[in-house]
Protein backbone atom coordinates (compact mmCIF):
# COMPACT_ATOMS: atom_id res chain seq x y z
CA MET A 1 5.68 41.09 -20.42
CA ALA A 2 3.95 42.58 -23.29
CA GLU A 3 0.03 42.36 -23.48
CA VAL A 4 -0.97 39.25 -25.99
CA LEU A 5 -4.18 40.96 -28.07
CA SER A 6 -7.18 38.24 -29.14
CA GLN A 7 -8.10 37.78 -32.71
CA GLN A 8 -11.10 39.81 -31.79
CA GLN A 9 -8.86 42.96 -30.84
CA ILE A 10 -6.52 42.40 -33.17
CA ASP A 11 -9.76 42.20 -36.05
CA GLU A 12 -11.06 45.49 -34.30
CA LEU A 13 -7.34 47.59 -34.51
CA LEU A 14 -7.12 46.71 -38.33
CA GLY A 15 -10.78 47.18 -38.77
CA ASN A 16 -9.96 50.96 -37.15
CA LEU A 17 -7.02 51.63 -39.04
CA GLN A 18 -8.47 51.10 -42.47
CA SER A 19 -11.31 53.93 -41.59
CA GLY A 20 -8.90 55.98 -40.23
CA ASN A 21 -10.25 55.75 -36.56
CA THR A 22 -7.05 55.23 -35.17
CA ASP A 23 -3.67 57.35 -34.41
CA ILE A 24 -0.83 55.42 -34.90
CA THR A 25 1.46 58.04 -32.88
CA GLU A 26 -1.41 57.14 -30.32
CA ILE A 27 -0.91 53.12 -30.69
CA GLU A 28 3.07 53.68 -30.75
CA GLU A 29 3.24 55.75 -27.10
CA ASN A 30 0.94 53.25 -25.98
CA SER A 31 3.12 50.56 -26.83
CA SER A 32 6.43 51.96 -25.29
CA ALA A 33 4.88 53.11 -22.02
CA LYS A 34 5.71 51.39 -19.32
CA LYS A 35 4.01 48.63 -17.56
CA VAL A 36 2.92 49.23 -13.61
CA LYS A 37 1.83 46.66 -11.65
CA ASP A 38 -0.72 47.05 -9.06
CA TYR A 39 0.11 46.57 -5.54
CA ASP A 40 -1.98 47.38 -2.10
CA PHE A 41 0.14 48.27 1.06
CA MET A 42 -2.39 48.11 2.96
CA SER A 43 -2.84 44.31 2.18
CA PRO A 44 1.09 43.22 1.93
CA LYS A 45 1.39 39.57 0.05
CA LYS A 46 2.16 36.60 3.20
CA PHE A 47 3.56 34.29 0.78
CA THR A 48 6.76 34.26 -1.41
CA ARG A 49 6.70 32.81 -5.03
CA GLU A 50 9.14 29.64 -3.42
CA GLN A 51 6.49 29.16 -0.76
CA LEU A 52 3.72 29.08 -3.45
CA HIS A 53 6.29 26.47 -5.32
CA LEU A 54 6.62 24.77 -2.19
CA LEU A 55 3.06 24.12 -2.24
CA GLN A 56 2.16 23.49 -6.02
CA ASN A 57 4.96 20.37 -5.89
CA ILE A 58 3.32 19.13 -2.09
CA PHE A 59 -0.47 19.12 -4.00
CA GLU A 60 0.67 18.04 -7.13
CA ASN A 61 2.23 14.80 -5.41
CA PHE A 62 -1.27 15.12 -3.28
CA ALA A 63 -3.24 15.45 -6.78
CA ARG A 64 -1.39 11.94 -7.87
CA LEU A 65 -1.85 10.01 -4.52
CA PHE A 66 -5.77 10.91 -4.61
CA SER A 67 -6.51 10.02 -8.10
CA LEU A 68 -5.36 6.75 -7.18
CA HIS A 69 -6.97 6.39 -3.84
CA LEU A 70 -10.06 7.65 -5.36
CA SER A 71 -10.25 5.54 -8.06
CA SER A 72 -9.90 2.58 -6.02
CA MET A 73 -12.44 3.29 -3.26
CA LEU A 74 -15.00 4.21 -6.16
CA ARG A 75 -14.02 1.59 -8.71
CA MET A 76 -13.91 4.14 -11.33
CA PRO A 77 -12.29 6.46 -13.46
CA CYS A 78 -10.95 9.13 -11.32
CA GLN A 79 -8.51 12.27 -12.48
CA ALA A 80 -7.51 14.78 -9.74
CA GLU A 81 -5.48 17.89 -11.28
CA ILE A 82 -4.36 21.18 -9.79
CA LEU A 83 -5.18 24.13 -11.74
CA GLN A 84 -3.77 26.92 -9.51
CA VAL A 85 -2.49 27.71 -6.16
CA GLU A 86 -2.48 31.16 -5.34
CA GLU A 87 -3.00 34.31 -2.45
CA GLU A 88 -5.99 35.97 -1.69
CA GLU A 89 -7.67 37.13 1.34
CA TYR A 90 -10.26 34.96 3.18
CA LYS A 91 -13.15 37.24 1.87
CA GLU A 92 -12.62 36.66 -1.70
CA PHE A 93 -12.99 32.79 -0.83
CA GLY A 94 -15.82 33.02 1.27
CA ASN A 95 -17.66 35.09 -1.11
CA ALA A 96 -17.38 32.64 -3.56
CA LEU A 97 -19.08 30.19 -1.32
CA THR A 98 -22.61 29.93 -1.46
CA ASP A 99 -24.72 29.48 1.79
CA SER A 100 -25.39 25.41 1.51
CA VAL A 101 -21.80 24.14 1.38
CA LEU A 102 -19.89 21.02 2.14
CA VAL A 103 -16.45 22.13 3.80
CA SER A 104 -14.14 19.82 5.95
CA VAL A 105 -12.42 21.86 8.81
CA MET A 106 -9.11 19.91 9.67
CA SER A 107 -6.41 20.47 11.72
CA MET A 108 -2.76 20.54 11.13
CA ASN A 109 -0.18 18.81 13.84
CA SER A 110 3.31 18.28 14.49
CA LEU A 111 4.74 17.44 17.68
CA SER A 112 8.11 17.23 16.71
CA ASN A 113 8.22 20.34 15.12
CA LYS A 114 6.01 21.96 17.57
CA ILE A 115 3.39 22.67 15.05
CA GLU A 116 -0.48 22.26 17.34
CA ASP A 117 -4.06 22.75 15.84
CA LYS A 118 -3.11 24.95 13.00
CA LYS A 119 -6.39 25.17 10.68
CA MET A 120 -7.25 24.81 6.93
CA LEU A 121 -10.50 23.91 5.12
CA VAL A 122 -11.35 21.57 2.12
CA GLU A 123 -14.49 22.14 0.18
CA VAL A 124 -15.77 20.06 -2.19
CA SER A 125 -18.49 21.39 -4.93
CA ARG A 126 -22.04 19.42 -4.37
CA PRO A 127 -21.72 17.47 -7.60
CA ILE A 128 -18.58 15.86 -6.82
CA SER A 129 -19.84 15.35 -3.35
CA PHE A 130 -23.33 13.65 -4.67
CA SER A 131 -21.87 11.59 -7.14
CA ILE A 132 -19.61 10.15 -5.05
CA LEU A 133 -22.17 9.17 -2.27
CA ASP A 134 -23.95 7.90 -4.97
CA ARG A 135 -21.41 5.56 -6.30
CA LEU A 136 -20.31 4.45 -2.54
CA LEU A 137 -24.27 3.98 -2.11
CA GLY A 138 -24.48 1.45 -4.75
CA GLY A 139 -25.16 3.59 -7.61
CA ASP A 140 -23.05 4.46 -10.83
CA GLY A 141 -22.46 7.92 -9.85
CA SER A 142 -24.63 9.85 -11.91
CA GLY A 143 -27.17 10.64 -9.40
CA TYR A 144 -25.68 14.08 -8.68
CA ASN A 145 -28.01 16.66 -9.77
CA ILE A 146 -29.52 17.08 -6.31
CA ASP A 147 -30.94 20.37 -4.79
CA ARG A 148 -31.26 19.79 -1.40
CA ASP A 149 -29.32 19.60 2.49
CA TYR A 150 -27.27 16.46 3.03
CA THR A 151 -28.69 14.16 5.39
CA GLU A 152 -27.31 12.59 8.51
CA ILE A 153 -26.52 9.43 6.87
CA GLU A 154 -24.81 11.26 3.86
CA ILE A 155 -22.65 13.33 6.38
CA SER A 156 -21.79 9.85 8.21
CA ILE A 157 -19.90 8.46 4.42
CA LEU A 158 -18.65 11.86 3.81
CA ASP A 159 -16.72 12.00 7.54
CA TYR A 160 -15.24 8.97 6.20
CA PHE A 161 -14.53 10.31 2.71
CA PHE A 162 -12.55 13.17 4.08
CA LYS A 163 -10.42 11.01 6.77
CA GLN A 164 -9.59 9.27 4.05
CA ILE A 165 -8.54 12.71 2.37
CA ALA A 166 -6.10 13.59 5.53
CA ASN A 167 -4.28 10.58 5.11
CA ILE A 168 -3.34 11.09 1.88
CA LEU A 169 -2.75 15.05 2.67
CA ASN A 170 -0.55 13.28 5.59
CA GLU A 171 1.42 11.12 2.99
CA ALA A 172 1.62 13.92 0.13
CA TRP A 173 3.25 16.01 3.52
CA ASN A 174 5.85 13.40 4.60
CA ASN A 175 8.64 14.08 2.32
CA TYR A 176 8.83 17.24 3.12
CA ILE A 177 7.99 17.54 7.26
CA ASP A 178 6.23 15.61 9.92
CA LEU A 179 2.70 16.90 9.56
CA THR A 180 -0.29 15.02 10.73
CA HIS A 181 -3.83 15.98 9.48
CA ASN A 182 -7.15 15.71 11.44
CA MET A 183 -10.72 15.77 10.36
CA ASP A 184 -12.11 17.81 12.89
CA SER A 185 -15.96 18.94 11.86
CA ILE A 186 -17.87 19.43 8.34
CA GLU A 187 -19.84 22.32 7.89
CA THR A 188 -22.61 22.34 5.42
CA ASN A 189 -23.01 26.25 6.29
CA SER A 190 -20.49 28.85 5.15
CA GLN A 191 -21.64 31.04 7.78
CA LEU A 192 -20.62 29.39 10.76
CA ILE A 193 -17.31 29.05 9.60
CA GLN A 194 -15.45 32.26 11.82
CA PHE A 195 -12.30 31.51 12.86
CA VAL A 196 -10.48 32.66 9.63
CA GLN A 197 -10.51 36.67 9.97
CA GLN A 198 -11.72 38.21 6.73
CA ASP A 199 -9.14 40.35 5.51
CA GLU A 200 -6.59 37.48 6.75
CA SER A 201 -4.36 36.37 4.02
CA VAL A 202 -5.36 32.74 2.57
CA ALA A 203 -3.22 30.12 0.07
CA ILE A 204 -5.88 28.61 -2.08
CA ILE A 205 -5.20 25.09 -4.18
CA VAL A 206 -7.73 24.51 -6.75
CA VAL A 207 -7.94 20.81 -7.52
CA GLU A 208 -10.33 19.49 -10.51
CA ILE A 209 -11.33 16.21 -9.74
CA THR A 210 -12.93 14.60 -13.06
CA LEU A 211 -15.48 11.22 -12.31
CA ASN A 212 -16.47 9.88 -16.16
CA GLU A 213 -17.54 12.70 -17.70
CA LEU A 214 -18.40 14.60 -14.56
CA LYS A 215 -15.99 18.00 -13.75
CA GLY A 216 -15.83 19.62 -10.06
CA ASN A 217 -13.74 21.06 -8.09
CA MET A 218 -12.08 20.48 -4.44
CA ASN A 219 -10.58 23.94 -2.86
CA ILE A 220 -8.09 23.82 -0.39
CA CYS A 221 -7.94 26.89 1.89
CA LEU A 222 -4.78 27.11 4.08
CA PRO A 223 -4.97 30.46 6.57
CA ALA A 224 -1.49 32.52 6.71
CA ALA A 225 -1.56 32.12 10.13
CA SER A 226 -1.53 28.11 9.96
CA LEU A 227 1.99 28.16 7.31
CA GLU A 228 4.08 30.65 9.11
CA LYS A 229 5.01 27.78 11.57
CA ILE A 230 5.28 25.18 9.02
CA PHE A 231 7.19 27.68 6.45
CA LYS A 232 9.88 28.58 9.42
CA VAL A 233 10.77 24.80 9.19
CA PHE A 234 12.14 24.75 5.59
CA ASP A 235 15.81 26.26 5.20
CA SER A 236 15.90 29.16 2.83
CA LYS A 237 16.16 27.04 -0.05
CA TYR A 238 13.28 25.05 0.93
CA ILE A 239 14.63 21.72 0.19
CA ARG A 240 13.37 18.24 2.17
CA ALA A 241 13.45 18.58 5.31
CA ASP A 242 15.55 15.34 6.91
CA LYS A 243 13.01 13.16 8.82
CA LYS A 244 13.67 13.05 12.55
CA THR A 245 14.39 9.42 13.67
CA ASP A 246 13.18 8.07 16.73
CA PRO A 247 15.83 5.66 18.05
CA GLU A 248 13.20 3.40 19.90
CA GLU A 249 12.18 2.75 16.09
CA THR A 250 15.30 2.75 14.54
CA GLU A 251 16.53 -0.12 17.42
CA LYS A 252 13.27 -2.09 16.47
CA ASN A 253 13.62 -1.98 12.93
CA ARG A 254 17.61 -2.92 13.57
CA GLN A 255 15.99 -6.20 15.59
CA HIS A 256 13.44 -7.53 12.98
CA ILE A 257 16.13 -7.03 10.35
CA LEU A 258 18.54 -9.30 12.50
CA GLU A 259 15.70 -11.79 13.60
CA ALA A 260 14.91 -12.49 9.53
CA LEU A 261 18.56 -12.60 8.77
CA LYS A 262 19.11 -15.42 11.61
CA ASP A 263 17.96 -18.55 9.29
CA THR A 264 20.77 -16.93 6.62
CA PRO A 265 23.09 -19.85 5.65
CA LEU A 266 27.00 -19.16 6.60
CA THR A 267 29.73 -20.59 5.73
CA VAL A 268 32.71 -21.37 8.08
CA SER A 269 36.66 -22.43 7.41
CA ALA A 270 38.88 -23.53 9.30
CA LYS A 271 42.94 -22.50 8.07
CA LEU A 272 45.66 -24.08 10.14
CA GLY A 273 48.38 -21.73 7.97
CA SER A 274 49.93 -20.48 4.72
CA THR A 275 53.31 -20.60 3.59
CA GLU A 276 54.86 -20.11 0.09
CA VAL A 277 57.08 -21.95 -2.08
CA THR A 278 58.83 -21.63 -5.46
CA LEU A 279 57.31 -23.16 -8.71
CA LYS A 280 60.53 -25.40 -8.58
CA ASP A 281 59.79 -26.60 -5.02
CA LEU A 282 56.10 -27.15 -5.91
CA LEU A 283 56.96 -29.58 -8.54
CA ASP A 284 59.81 -31.37 -6.62
CA LEU A 285 57.31 -32.46 -4.04
CA SER A 286 56.63 -36.04 -3.52
CA TYR A 287 54.78 -38.27 -1.24
CA GLY A 288 55.99 -37.92 2.05
CA ASP A 289 56.97 -34.28 1.86
CA VAL A 290 56.54 -32.02 4.68
CA ILE A 291 56.01 -28.51 4.40
CA PRO A 292 56.33 -26.27 6.83
CA LEU A 293 53.33 -23.61 7.84
CA ASN A 294 53.96 -19.84 8.90
CA SER A 295 51.44 -20.69 12.29
CA SER A 296 53.02 -22.03 15.59
CA VAL A 297 52.20 -25.09 17.50
CA GLY A 298 49.32 -24.37 20.22
CA GLY A 299 48.07 -20.97 21.35
CA ASP A 300 45.18 -19.58 19.59
CA SER A 301 46.52 -20.52 16.14
CA ILE A 302 43.46 -21.41 13.68
CA ILE A 303 41.48 -18.51 11.55
CA LEU A 304 38.27 -19.17 11.31
CA SER A 305 36.66 -17.79 8.40
CA VAL A 306 32.77 -16.56 7.95
CA GLU A 307 32.47 -16.47 4.25
CA LYS A 308 35.75 -15.58 3.68
CA LEU A 309 35.95 -13.00 6.06
CA ASN A 310 38.66 -13.76 8.99
CA TRP A 311 36.37 -13.61 12.26
CA PHE A 312 37.55 -15.74 15.14
CA SER A 313 40.95 -16.95 16.60
CA GLY A 314 41.24 -20.40 18.17
CA LYS A 315 42.88 -23.84 18.60
CA ILE A 316 42.23 -27.05 17.22
CA GLY A 317 41.22 -30.39 19.02
CA ILE A 318 39.12 -33.35 18.18
CA LYS A 319 35.25 -33.69 20.14
CA LYS A 320 33.20 -36.80 19.30
CA LYS A 321 36.32 -38.39 16.90
CA ASN A 322 36.12 -34.86 14.94
CA TYR A 323 38.27 -32.12 14.41
CA ALA A 324 37.11 -29.30 16.05
CA VAL A 325 38.34 -25.73 16.98
CA LYS A 326 38.09 -23.66 20.12
CA ILE A 327 37.38 -20.52 20.08
CA GLY A 328 39.93 -17.88 21.70
CA LYS A 329 39.32 -14.78 20.63
CA VAL A 330 36.81 -12.82 18.56
CA LEU A 331 38.72 -10.85 16.04
CA HIS A 332 35.80 -8.54 14.80
């Protein structure tokens, strides 16, 4: 794709052309030169474009759910939007963190897919975290210009906040894979996060959070070692994985549905038999005439229909001076 010049670059180019400082031949040679993209063979990419696109879809769903949940929890307009999903080395992510941060260490598990204790990081900017704390403690959310460490009470409140994020992550992944997120710990010192190697590839999801007029980022870091097992669950086309049903849960749901249907009223009718007559015979019928049916006397000659569906066969009789049918055979 050709490079797009800014307006300032265009003005400088036109100025140089007018003053004669720029060689047209040199411009043509540079424009026709092949564009070469740098590639570091010492640090090859671990994620394909399709895998990053999959993460984009998952976390866009997460952003929608997170916006609704945060608005409900804080009772104020909140918006979350995915700014970018990219791959980089962990040292680039770690170097961007200050010494005083707010990072939640979470683990990802899936018993059915044999995924166990895969780590991820969720970092929230200080202004956003203090605005959330101010709102949860009865303020209007404007008390976020604070330059100090978090207190133990604030850490306890943020522990609840990150556990809500873990639940939303579960729901966001649910359409693709059975994955459970657990909040392990909260770190306020980036130097204490040592379980990710500095040169390890990570997927970084940048979520922009808007609280009224305040904007800040939530950065989600997924190491390649954690995503490798997860990506193996998907097929080559990265379609949504079928959910594995639990037989006990299926039977439990079936019984629940049957219990709910037991009080449903149904119409049951007994059919003695049937026959066919011509229109002429029908017009000639009069009082006292007998119409023979196609059913024989005795045996299970009566058909019981449930909502117009033949369900039982039986024998006609009398019970307590009322006609009755004794069921002889179940047809379904």
